[in-house]
Amino acid sequence: MAKTDFIVNFIRKVISEEKEKDSSEPKHKGKKYGKNDIIVGYGPGKGSGGRFLGSVNEAGALAKDAPRELMKNLSVTSGGSGLTGVEKILKVAISKTDAMNQAFNGVSKISKGERSAISITPGQINARNGANLLHHVLIGAQGAGMLRTPEAVQIQVAGSKIIVHVSPYKNSWVN
């Protein structure tokens, strides 16, 4: 009987140590992003996939050089902070701009456990180009002072959808 108690206690101790070890190690590897970062990921292990559409590149240039003009072109007049601000900006841009409305089929909130995110379904644009375009929109909103990002905002291709969520790690929304 004493031998059984010893084995049970030993196994509990090993399990307890494993749990402590697991919780102390980071679950993600790679660069950790933070405040003011808006990152885009195309999925783990994905290559570059070729060039982006010319119109997507133009939006990127406008986001960098004239962010207020980009926001005006997208009919975005206000924003917010974090995921709530992102959702507000994207909903306005997609619903009030014909080109964005054709490119995307809408914005919806989703959750996985305690994590929440925004899901965008591409329309007449593929998910990769769509994610890059949304990245430019959010960079433009940030540059125009309409979006504050107290935590890293990530735009990630997940299958045929685009997921926008708060995370310091690239490609951390699991499909």
N, C-alpha and C. Protein backbone atom coordinates (compact mmCIF):
# COMPACT_ATOMS: atom_id res chain seq x y z
N MET A 1 0.82 -1.19 0.00
CA MET A 1 0.00 0.00 0.00
C MET A 1 0.86 1.25 0.00
N ALA A 2 1.91 1.28 0.78
CA ALA A 2 2.80 2.43 0.84
C ALA A 2 3.49 2.65 -0.50
N LYS A 3 3.82 1.56 -1.18
CA LYS A 3 4.46 1.65 -2.49
C LYS A 3 3.50 2.32 -3.48
N THR A 4 2.23 1.97 -3.42
CA THR A 4 1.23 2.55 -4.31
C THR A 4 1.10 4.05 -4.06
N ASP A 5 1.06 4.44 -2.78
CA ASP A 5 0.99 5.87 -2.44
C ASP A 5 2.21 6.61 -2.96
N PHE A 6 3.37 6.01 -2.85
CA PHE A 6 4.61 6.63 -3.34
C PHE A 6 4.52 6.86 -4.85
N ILE A 7 4.04 5.88 -5.58
CA ILE A 7 3.94 5.98 -7.04
C ILE A 7 2.92 7.05 -7.42
N VAL A 8 1.77 7.03 -6.76
CA VAL A 8 0.73 8.03 -7.05
C VAL A 8 1.26 9.43 -6.78
N ASN A 9 1.89 9.63 -5.65
CA ASN A 9 2.45 10.94 -5.31
C ASN A 9 3.54 11.36 -6.29
N PHE A 10 4.38 10.41 -6.71
CA PHE A 10 5.44 10.70 -7.68
C PHE A 10 4.84 11.14 -9.01
N ILE A 11 3.81 10.44 -9.46
CA ILE A 11 3.17 10.79 -10.74
C ILE A 11 2.53 12.17 -10.65
N ARG A 12 1.86 12.47 -9.53
CA ARG A 12 1.27 13.79 -9.35
C ARG A 12 2.32 14.89 -9.41
N LYS A 13 3.46 14.63 -8.77
CA LYS A 13 4.55 15.60 -8.75
C LYS A 13 5.07 15.85 -10.17
N VAL A 14 5.27 14.79 -10.93
CA VAL A 14 5.76 14.90 -12.31
C VAL A 14 4.75 15.69 -13.15
N ILE A 15 3.47 15.37 -13.01
CA ILE A 15 2.43 16.08 -13.77
C ILE A 15 2.42 17.55 -13.39
N SER A 16 2.52 17.83 -12.10
CA SER A 16 2.53 19.21 -11.62
C SER A 16 3.71 19.99 -12.18
N GLU A 17 4.89 19.37 -12.20
CA GLU A 17 6.07 20.02 -12.75
C GLU A 17 5.93 20.26 -14.25
N GLU A 18 5.31 19.33 -14.96
CA GLU A 18 5.09 19.49 -16.40
C GLU A 18 4.17 20.67 -16.66
N LYS A 19 3.10 20.79 -15.86
CA LYS A 19 2.17 21.90 -16.03
C LYS A 19 2.87 23.23 -15.80
N GLU A 20 3.71 23.31 -14.77
CA GLU A 20 4.46 24.54 -14.50
C GLU A 20 5.40 24.86 -15.65
N LYS A 21 6.07 23.84 -16.18
CA LYS A 21 7.00 24.02 -17.28
C LYS A 21 6.26 24.52 -18.52
N ASP A 22 5.10 23.91 -18.83
CA ASP A 22 4.32 24.30 -19.99
C ASP A 22 3.82 25.73 -19.89
N SER A 23 3.38 26.13 -18.71
CA SER A 23 2.83 27.48 -18.57
C SER A 23 3.91 28.55 -18.59
N SER A 24 5.15 28.19 -18.27
CA SER A 24 6.21 29.19 -18.26
C SER A 24 6.84 29.39 -19.63
N GLU A 25 6.68 28.44 -20.53
CA GLU A 25 7.24 28.56 -21.87
C GLU A 25 6.26 29.30 -22.78
N PRO A 26 6.75 30.18 -23.64
CA PRO A 26 5.84 30.84 -24.57
C PRO A 26 5.25 29.83 -25.54
N LYS A 27 3.98 30.03 -25.89
CA LYS A 27 3.31 29.11 -26.79
C LYS A 27 3.62 29.40 -28.25
N HIS A 28 4.12 30.59 -28.52
CA HIS A 28 4.42 30.98 -29.89
C HIS A 28 5.89 31.32 -30.00
N LYS A 29 6.43 31.02 -31.14
CA LYS A 29 7.82 31.38 -31.38
C LYS A 29 7.85 32.49 -32.40
N GLY A 30 8.92 33.20 -32.46
CA GLY A 30 9.06 34.28 -33.41
C GLY A 30 8.91 35.62 -32.73
N LYS A 31 8.94 36.65 -33.54
CA LYS A 31 8.89 38.02 -33.04
C LYS A 31 7.57 38.30 -32.34
N LYS A 32 7.66 39.01 -31.24
CA LYS A 32 6.47 39.42 -30.50
C LYS A 32 6.19 40.87 -30.85
N TYR A 33 4.95 41.16 -31.27
CA TYR A 33 4.55 42.50 -31.66
C TYR A 33 3.81 43.17 -30.50
N GLY A 34 3.69 44.48 -30.54
CA GLY A 34 3.04 45.19 -29.44
C GLY A 34 2.27 46.40 -29.90
N LYS A 35 2.18 47.37 -29.01
CA LYS A 35 1.43 48.59 -29.23
C LYS A 35 1.80 49.21 -30.58
N ASN A 36 0.80 49.70 -31.28
CA ASN A 36 0.92 50.38 -32.57
C ASN A 36 1.28 49.47 -33.74
N ASP A 37 1.39 48.17 -33.52
CA ASP A 37 1.70 47.25 -34.61
C ASP A 37 0.42 46.71 -35.24
N ILE A 38 0.38 46.75 -36.56
CA ILE A 38 -0.67 46.10 -37.33
C ILE A 38 0.06 45.17 -38.27
N ILE A 39 -0.14 43.87 -38.07
CA ILE A 39 0.62 42.89 -38.83
C ILE A 39 -0.31 42.06 -39.70
N VAL A 40 0.23 41.55 -40.77
CA VAL A 40 -0.56 40.72 -41.67
C VAL A 40 0.18 39.40 -41.86
N GLY A 41 -0.58 38.32 -41.85
CA GLY A 41 -0.01 36.98 -42.05
C GLY A 41 -0.86 36.21 -43.04
N TYR A 42 -0.20 35.42 -43.82
CA TYR A 42 -0.90 34.67 -44.86
C TYR A 42 -1.01 33.20 -44.51
N GLY A 43 -0.72 32.86 -43.27
CA GLY A 43 -0.80 31.48 -42.80
C GLY A 43 0.59 30.93 -42.58
N PRO A 44 0.71 29.98 -41.65
CA PRO A 44 2.03 29.41 -41.35
C PRO A 44 2.64 28.73 -42.56
N GLY A 45 3.89 29.05 -42.83
CA GLY A 45 4.64 28.38 -43.89
C GLY A 45 4.24 28.76 -45.29
N LYS A 46 3.43 29.77 -45.47
CA LYS A 46 3.00 30.16 -46.82
C LYS A 46 4.07 31.01 -47.47
N GLY A 47 4.27 30.80 -48.74
CA GLY A 47 5.24 31.60 -49.48
C GLY A 47 4.64 32.93 -49.86
N SER A 48 5.36 33.69 -50.64
CA SER A 48 4.91 35.03 -51.00
C SER A 48 3.70 34.99 -51.93
N GLY A 49 3.57 33.95 -52.76
CA GLY A 49 2.40 33.82 -53.60
C GLY A 49 2.35 34.79 -54.77
N GLY A 50 3.44 35.40 -55.14
CA GLY A 50 3.48 36.32 -56.27
C GLY A 50 3.17 37.75 -55.87
N ARG A 51 3.00 38.58 -56.89
CA ARG A 51 2.76 40.00 -56.66
C ARG A 51 1.32 40.25 -56.21
N PHE A 52 1.15 41.36 -55.50
CA PHE A 52 -0.18 41.79 -55.12
C PHE A 52 -0.80 42.56 -56.27
N LEU A 53 -2.12 42.65 -56.29
CA LEU A 53 -2.82 43.42 -57.31
C LEU A 53 -2.35 44.87 -57.29
N GLY A 54 -2.32 45.50 -58.45
CA GLY A 54 -1.89 46.89 -58.54
C GLY A 54 -2.72 47.82 -57.67
N SER A 55 -4.04 47.60 -57.62
CA SER A 55 -4.91 48.45 -56.81
C SER A 55 -4.61 48.29 -55.33
N VAL A 56 -4.20 47.10 -54.92
CA VAL A 56 -3.82 46.87 -53.52
C VAL A 56 -2.55 47.65 -53.21
N ASN A 57 -1.60 47.62 -54.12
CA ASN A 57 -0.35 48.37 -53.94
C ASN A 57 -0.62 49.88 -53.90
N GLU A 58 -1.56 50.36 -54.73
CA GLU A 58 -1.90 51.78 -54.72
C GLU A 58 -2.48 52.18 -53.37
N ALA A 59 -3.32 51.34 -52.81
CA ALA A 59 -3.89 51.63 -51.48
C ALA A 59 -2.78 51.70 -50.44
N GLY A 60 -1.77 50.84 -50.59
CA GLY A 60 -0.64 50.85 -49.67
C GLY A 60 0.14 52.15 -49.74
N ALA A 61 0.34 52.63 -50.96
CA ALA A 61 1.06 53.89 -51.14
C ALA A 61 0.26 55.04 -50.55
N LEU A 62 -1.04 55.04 -50.77
CA LEU A 62 -1.90 56.08 -50.24
C LEU A 62 -1.94 56.03 -48.71
N ALA A 63 -1.98 54.83 -48.15
CA ALA A 63 -1.99 54.66 -46.69
C ALA A 63 -0.74 55.27 -46.07
N LYS A 64 0.35 55.14 -46.76
CA LYS A 64 1.63 55.64 -46.24
C LYS A 64 1.79 57.15 -46.47
N ASP A 65 1.49 57.60 -47.68
CA ASP A 65 1.76 58.98 -48.06
C ASP A 65 0.61 59.96 -47.78
N ALA A 66 -0.63 59.48 -47.85
CA ALA A 66 -1.79 60.36 -47.66
C ALA A 66 -2.92 59.60 -46.95
N PRO A 67 -2.70 59.22 -45.70
CA PRO A 67 -3.69 58.40 -45.00
C PRO A 67 -5.07 59.06 -44.86
N ARG A 68 -5.10 60.39 -44.68
CA ARG A 68 -6.39 61.07 -44.56
C ARG A 68 -7.17 61.00 -45.87
N GLU A 69 -6.46 61.10 -46.98
CA GLU A 69 -7.10 60.99 -48.29
C GLU A 69 -7.68 59.59 -48.49
N LEU A 70 -6.93 58.58 -48.07
CA LEU A 70 -7.44 57.20 -48.17
C LEU A 70 -8.72 57.05 -47.35
N MET A 71 -8.71 57.56 -46.13
CA MET A 71 -9.91 57.46 -45.28
C MET A 71 -11.09 58.20 -45.90
N LYS A 72 -10.81 59.37 -46.52
CA LYS A 72 -11.87 60.12 -47.19
C LYS A 72 -12.43 59.31 -48.36
N ASN A 73 -11.53 58.70 -49.14
CA ASN A 73 -11.95 57.88 -50.28
C ASN A 73 -12.80 56.69 -49.84
N LEU A 74 -12.55 56.20 -48.62
CA LEU A 74 -13.30 55.05 -48.10
C LEU A 74 -14.51 55.47 -47.26
N SER A 75 -14.79 56.77 -47.20
CA SER A 75 -15.92 57.32 -46.45
C SER A 75 -15.82 57.07 -44.95
N VAL A 76 -14.60 56.88 -44.46
CA VAL A 76 -14.39 56.65 -43.03
C VAL A 76 -14.13 58.01 -42.38
N THR A 77 -14.99 58.39 -41.44
CA THR A 77 -14.86 59.70 -40.78
C THR A 77 -14.45 59.58 -39.32
N SER A 78 -14.57 58.38 -38.76
CA SER A 78 -14.16 58.18 -37.37
C SER A 78 -13.77 56.72 -37.18
N GLY A 79 -13.15 56.46 -36.06
CA GLY A 79 -12.70 55.10 -35.79
C GLY A 79 -12.82 54.77 -34.33
N GLY A 80 -11.72 54.36 -33.73
CA GLY A 80 -11.74 53.99 -32.33
C GLY A 80 -10.44 53.32 -31.93
N SER A 81 -10.55 52.46 -30.94
CA SER A 81 -9.38 51.81 -30.38
C SER A 81 -9.53 50.29 -30.43
N GLY A 82 -8.41 49.62 -30.68
CA GLY A 82 -8.38 48.16 -30.65
C GLY A 82 -9.33 47.51 -31.64
N LEU A 83 -9.80 46.33 -31.29
CA LEU A 83 -10.65 45.54 -32.18
C LEU A 83 -11.97 46.23 -32.49
N THR A 84 -12.52 46.96 -31.52
CA THR A 84 -13.77 47.69 -31.73
C THR A 84 -13.58 48.77 -32.79
N GLY A 85 -12.48 49.49 -32.72
CA GLY A 85 -12.17 50.51 -33.71
C GLY A 85 -11.96 49.92 -35.09
N VAL A 86 -11.25 48.79 -35.13
CA VAL A 86 -11.01 48.09 -36.40
C VAL A 86 -12.34 47.71 -37.04
N GLU A 87 -13.22 47.12 -36.25
CA GLU A 87 -14.53 46.69 -36.77
C GLU A 87 -15.31 47.87 -37.33
N LYS A 88 -15.34 48.96 -36.60
CA LYS A 88 -16.07 50.15 -37.04
C LYS A 88 -15.52 50.67 -38.37
N ILE A 89 -14.21 50.78 -38.47
CA ILE A 89 -13.58 51.30 -39.69
C ILE A 89 -13.85 50.38 -40.88
N LEU A 90 -13.68 49.07 -40.68
CA LEU A 90 -13.87 48.14 -41.80
C LEU A 90 -15.33 48.07 -42.24
N LYS A 91 -16.25 48.10 -41.29
CA LYS A 91 -17.67 48.07 -41.66
C LYS A 91 -18.05 49.28 -42.51
N VAL A 92 -17.58 50.46 -42.13
CA VAL A 92 -17.88 51.67 -42.89
C VAL A 92 -17.23 51.59 -44.27
N ALA A 93 -15.96 51.26 -44.32
CA ALA A 93 -15.23 51.21 -45.60
C ALA A 93 -15.88 50.23 -46.57
N ILE A 94 -16.29 49.06 -46.06
CA ILE A 94 -16.87 48.03 -46.93
C ILE A 94 -18.30 48.38 -47.32
N SER A 95 -19.08 48.94 -46.42
CA SER A 95 -20.48 49.22 -46.75
C SER A 95 -20.68 50.50 -47.56
N LYS A 96 -19.80 51.47 -47.43
CA LYS A 96 -20.01 52.76 -48.08
C LYS A 96 -19.18 52.99 -49.33
N THR A 97 -18.37 52.02 -49.71
CA THR A 97 -17.52 52.18 -50.88
C THR A 97 -17.80 51.03 -51.84
N ASP A 98 -18.21 51.36 -53.07
CA ASP A 98 -18.58 50.32 -54.03
C ASP A 98 -17.46 49.31 -54.27
N ALA A 99 -16.23 49.79 -54.47
CA ALA A 99 -15.11 48.89 -54.75
C ALA A 99 -14.86 47.94 -53.58
N MET A 100 -14.90 48.47 -52.35
CA MET A 100 -14.69 47.63 -51.17
C MET A 100 -15.86 46.66 -50.99
N ASN A 101 -17.07 47.12 -51.32
CA ASN A 101 -18.25 46.26 -51.20
C ASN A 101 -18.18 45.11 -52.18
N GLN A 102 -17.59 45.32 -53.34
CA GLN A 102 -17.41 44.24 -54.30
C GLN A 102 -16.27 43.31 -53.87
N ALA A 103 -15.25 43.88 -53.27
CA ALA A 103 -14.09 43.09 -52.86
C ALA A 103 -14.41 42.18 -51.66
N PHE A 104 -15.30 42.64 -50.77
CA PHE A 104 -15.59 41.88 -49.55
C PHE A 104 -17.09 41.70 -49.38
N ASN A 105 -17.46 40.55 -48.80
CA ASN A 105 -18.88 40.24 -48.60
C ASN A 105 -19.37 40.54 -47.18
N GLY A 106 -18.65 41.32 -46.43
CA GLY A 106 -19.14 41.70 -45.12
C GLY A 106 -18.19 41.40 -43.99
N VAL A 107 -18.55 41.94 -42.83
CA VAL A 107 -17.75 41.84 -41.62
C VAL A 107 -18.64 41.27 -40.53
N SER A 108 -18.14 40.27 -39.80
CA SER A 108 -18.91 39.72 -38.69
C SER A 108 -17.97 39.41 -37.52
N LYS A 109 -18.55 39.42 -36.32
CA LYS A 109 -17.78 39.08 -35.12
C LYS A 109 -17.81 37.58 -34.93
N ILE A 110 -16.69 37.02 -34.50
CA ILE A 110 -16.62 35.60 -34.18
C ILE A 110 -15.86 35.45 -32.86
N SER A 111 -15.97 34.28 -32.27
CA SER A 111 -15.19 34.03 -31.05
C SER A 111 -14.77 32.57 -31.02
N LYS A 112 -13.71 32.36 -30.29
CA LYS A 112 -13.17 31.02 -30.07
C LYS A 112 -12.73 30.98 -28.62
N GLY A 113 -13.51 30.30 -27.79
CA GLY A 113 -13.23 30.34 -26.37
C GLY A 113 -13.44 31.75 -25.87
N GLU A 114 -12.44 32.30 -25.20
CA GLU A 114 -12.54 33.66 -24.69
C GLU A 114 -11.99 34.70 -25.68
N ARG A 115 -11.45 34.23 -26.79
CA ARG A 115 -10.89 35.14 -27.79
C ARG A 115 -11.98 35.59 -28.76
N SER A 116 -11.94 36.86 -29.13
CA SER A 116 -12.89 37.35 -30.13
C SER A 116 -12.10 37.90 -31.31
N ALA A 117 -12.77 37.93 -32.44
CA ALA A 117 -12.13 38.38 -33.67
C ALA A 117 -13.20 38.90 -34.62
N ILE A 118 -12.73 39.41 -35.73
CA ILE A 118 -13.60 39.85 -36.81
C ILE A 118 -13.30 38.96 -38.01
N SER A 119 -14.33 38.47 -38.63
CA SER A 119 -14.18 37.63 -39.81
C SER A 119 -14.67 38.40 -41.02
N ILE A 120 -13.86 38.44 -42.06
CA ILE A 120 -14.22 39.11 -43.31
C ILE A 120 -14.17 38.07 -44.42
N THR A 121 -15.25 37.98 -45.16
CA THR A 121 -15.32 37.05 -46.27
C THR A 121 -14.98 37.79 -47.56
N PRO A 122 -13.95 37.35 -48.27
CA PRO A 122 -13.64 38.00 -49.54
C PRO A 122 -14.76 37.80 -50.56
N GLY A 123 -14.96 38.79 -51.41
CA GLY A 123 -15.93 38.70 -52.49
C GLY A 123 -15.19 38.47 -53.80
N GLN A 124 -14.95 39.56 -54.53
CA GLN A 124 -14.28 39.47 -55.81
C GLN A 124 -12.77 39.65 -55.70
N ILE A 125 -12.23 39.36 -54.53
CA ILE A 125 -10.79 39.44 -54.30
C ILE A 125 -10.40 38.17 -53.55
N ASN A 126 -9.20 37.67 -53.78
CA ASN A 126 -8.81 36.47 -53.02
C ASN A 126 -8.38 36.88 -51.61
N ALA A 127 -8.33 35.90 -50.73
CA ALA A 127 -8.05 36.19 -49.32
C ALA A 127 -6.69 36.84 -49.12
N ARG A 128 -5.68 36.43 -49.87
CA ARG A 128 -4.33 36.98 -49.72
C ARG A 128 -4.30 38.46 -50.07
N ASN A 129 -4.83 38.83 -51.24
CA ASN A 129 -4.89 40.24 -51.63
C ASN A 129 -5.83 41.02 -50.71
N GLY A 130 -6.91 40.37 -50.28
CA GLY A 130 -7.85 41.01 -49.37
C GLY A 130 -7.20 41.35 -48.04
N ALA A 131 -6.43 40.42 -47.50
CA ALA A 131 -5.74 40.67 -46.22
C ALA A 131 -4.77 41.83 -46.37
N ASN A 132 -4.06 41.87 -47.46
CA ASN A 132 -3.11 42.95 -47.69
C ASN A 132 -3.82 44.29 -47.84
N LEU A 133 -4.95 44.29 -48.55
CA LEU A 133 -5.73 45.52 -48.71
C LEU A 133 -6.25 46.01 -47.35
N LEU A 134 -6.77 45.10 -46.53
CA LEU A 134 -7.25 45.48 -45.20
C LEU A 134 -6.11 46.02 -44.33
N HIS A 135 -4.94 45.45 -44.50
CA HIS A 135 -3.76 45.94 -43.78
C HIS A 135 -3.50 47.39 -44.14
N HIS A 136 -3.55 47.70 -45.44
CA HIS A 136 -3.34 49.08 -45.88
C HIS A 136 -4.41 50.01 -45.32
N VAL A 137 -5.66 49.55 -45.30
CA VAL A 137 -6.75 50.37 -44.77
C VAL A 137 -6.49 50.69 -43.30
N LEU A 138 -6.10 49.69 -42.53
CA LEU A 138 -5.87 49.92 -41.10
C LEU A 138 -4.62 50.75 -40.84
N ILE A 139 -3.59 50.57 -41.64
CA ILE A 139 -2.39 51.43 -41.53
C ILE A 139 -2.77 52.87 -41.85
N GLY A 140 -3.60 53.05 -42.87
CA GLY A 140 -4.07 54.39 -43.22
C GLY A 140 -4.90 55.00 -42.10
N ALA A 141 -5.78 54.21 -41.51
CA ALA A 141 -6.61 54.70 -40.40
C ALA A 141 -5.74 55.10 -39.22
N GLN A 142 -4.72 54.32 -38.97
CA GLN A 142 -3.79 54.63 -37.88
C GLN A 142 -3.03 55.93 -38.19
N GLY A 143 -2.56 56.05 -39.42
CA GLY A 143 -1.83 57.24 -39.84
C GLY A 143 -2.70 58.50 -39.83
N ALA A 144 -4.00 58.33 -40.06
CA ALA A 144 -4.93 59.46 -40.06
C ALA A 144 -5.42 59.78 -38.65
N GLY A 145 -4.95 59.02 -37.68
CA GLY A 145 -5.35 59.26 -36.29
C GLY A 145 -6.72 58.72 -35.94
N MET A 146 -7.25 57.82 -36.76
CA MET A 146 -8.59 57.27 -36.52
C MET A 146 -8.57 55.91 -35.82
N LEU A 147 -7.39 55.31 -35.72
CA LEU A 147 -7.29 53.99 -35.08
C LEU A 147 -6.13 54.00 -34.10
N ARG A 148 -6.44 53.66 -32.87
CA ARG A 148 -5.40 53.48 -31.85
C ARG A 148 -5.28 51.99 -31.58
N THR A 149 -4.06 51.53 -31.48
CA THR A 149 -3.82 50.09 -31.27
C THR A 149 -2.98 49.88 -30.02
N PRO A 150 -3.65 49.81 -28.86
CA PRO A 150 -2.91 49.59 -27.61
C PRO A 150 -2.27 48.21 -27.54
N GLU A 151 -2.76 47.29 -28.37
CA GLU A 151 -2.17 45.95 -28.49
C GLU A 151 -2.00 45.68 -29.98
N ALA A 152 -1.16 44.73 -30.31
CA ALA A 152 -0.93 44.39 -31.72
C ALA A 152 -2.22 43.86 -32.35
N VAL A 153 -2.53 44.37 -33.53
CA VAL A 153 -3.68 43.91 -34.30
C VAL A 153 -3.14 43.07 -35.43
N GLN A 154 -3.72 41.90 -35.61
CA GLN A 154 -3.25 40.99 -36.63
C GLN A 154 -4.33 40.70 -37.64
N ILE A 155 -3.95 40.70 -38.89
CA ILE A 155 -4.83 40.32 -39.99
C ILE A 155 -4.26 39.02 -40.53
N GLN A 156 -5.07 37.99 -40.53
CA GLN A 156 -4.57 36.66 -40.89
C GLN A 156 -5.50 35.96 -41.87
N VAL A 157 -4.92 35.39 -42.90
CA VAL A 157 -5.68 34.54 -43.81
C VAL A 157 -5.87 33.20 -43.12
N ALA A 158 -7.13 32.78 -43.02
CA ALA A 158 -7.47 31.49 -42.41
C ALA A 158 -8.40 30.77 -43.38
N GLY A 159 -7.82 29.97 -44.24
CA GLY A 159 -8.62 29.31 -45.28
C GLY A 159 -9.09 30.34 -46.28
N SER A 160 -10.41 30.39 -46.49
CA SER A 160 -10.96 31.36 -47.44
C SER A 160 -11.43 32.63 -46.75
N LYS A 161 -11.21 32.75 -45.47
CA LYS A 161 -11.63 33.92 -44.69
C LYS A 161 -10.41 34.75 -44.29
N ILE A 162 -10.70 35.96 -43.85
CA ILE A 162 -9.67 36.83 -43.29
C ILE A 162 -10.11 37.11 -41.86
N ILE A 163 -9.23 36.84 -40.93
CA ILE A 163 -9.53 37.01 -39.51
C ILE A 163 -8.69 38.18 -38.99
N VAL A 164 -9.33 39.10 -38.30
CA VAL A 164 -8.63 40.22 -37.67
C VAL A 164 -8.83 40.06 -36.17
N HIS A 165 -7.73 40.04 -35.44
CA HIS A 165 -7.80 39.84 -33.99
C HIS A 165 -6.62 40.52 -33.32
N VAL A 166 -6.68 40.55 -32.00
CA VAL A 166 -5.61 41.14 -31.21
C VAL A 166 -4.70 40.01 -30.75
N SER A 167 -3.43 40.10 -31.11
CA SER A 167 -2.46 39.09 -30.70
C SER A 167 -1.06 39.62 -30.97
N PRO A 168 -0.13 39.34 -30.08
CA PRO A 168 1.24 39.78 -30.32
C PRO A 168 2.00 38.83 -31.26
N TYR A 169 1.37 37.73 -31.67
CA TYR A 169 2.07 36.73 -32.49
C TYR A 169 1.40 36.56 -33.84
N LYS A 170 2.22 36.59 -34.88
CA LYS A 170 1.76 36.43 -36.25
C LYS A 170 1.17 35.03 -36.45
N ASN A 171 0.07 34.97 -37.19
CA ASN A 171 -0.61 33.71 -37.53
C ASN A 171 -1.03 32.91 -36.30
N SER A 172 -1.50 33.59 -35.27
CA SER A 172 -1.85 32.89 -34.04
C SER A 172 -3.31 32.49 -33.92
N TRP A 173 -4.15 32.91 -34.87
CA TRP A 173 -5.55 32.45 -34.87
C TRP A 173 -5.56 31.10 -35.57
N VAL A 174 -5.87 30.07 -34.84
CA VAL A 174 -5.82 28.72 -35.39
C VAL A 174 -7.07 28.47 -36.21
N ASN A 175 -6.87 27.92 -37.41
CA ASN A 175 -8.01 27.63 -38.30
C ASN A 175 -8.99 26.70 -37.65
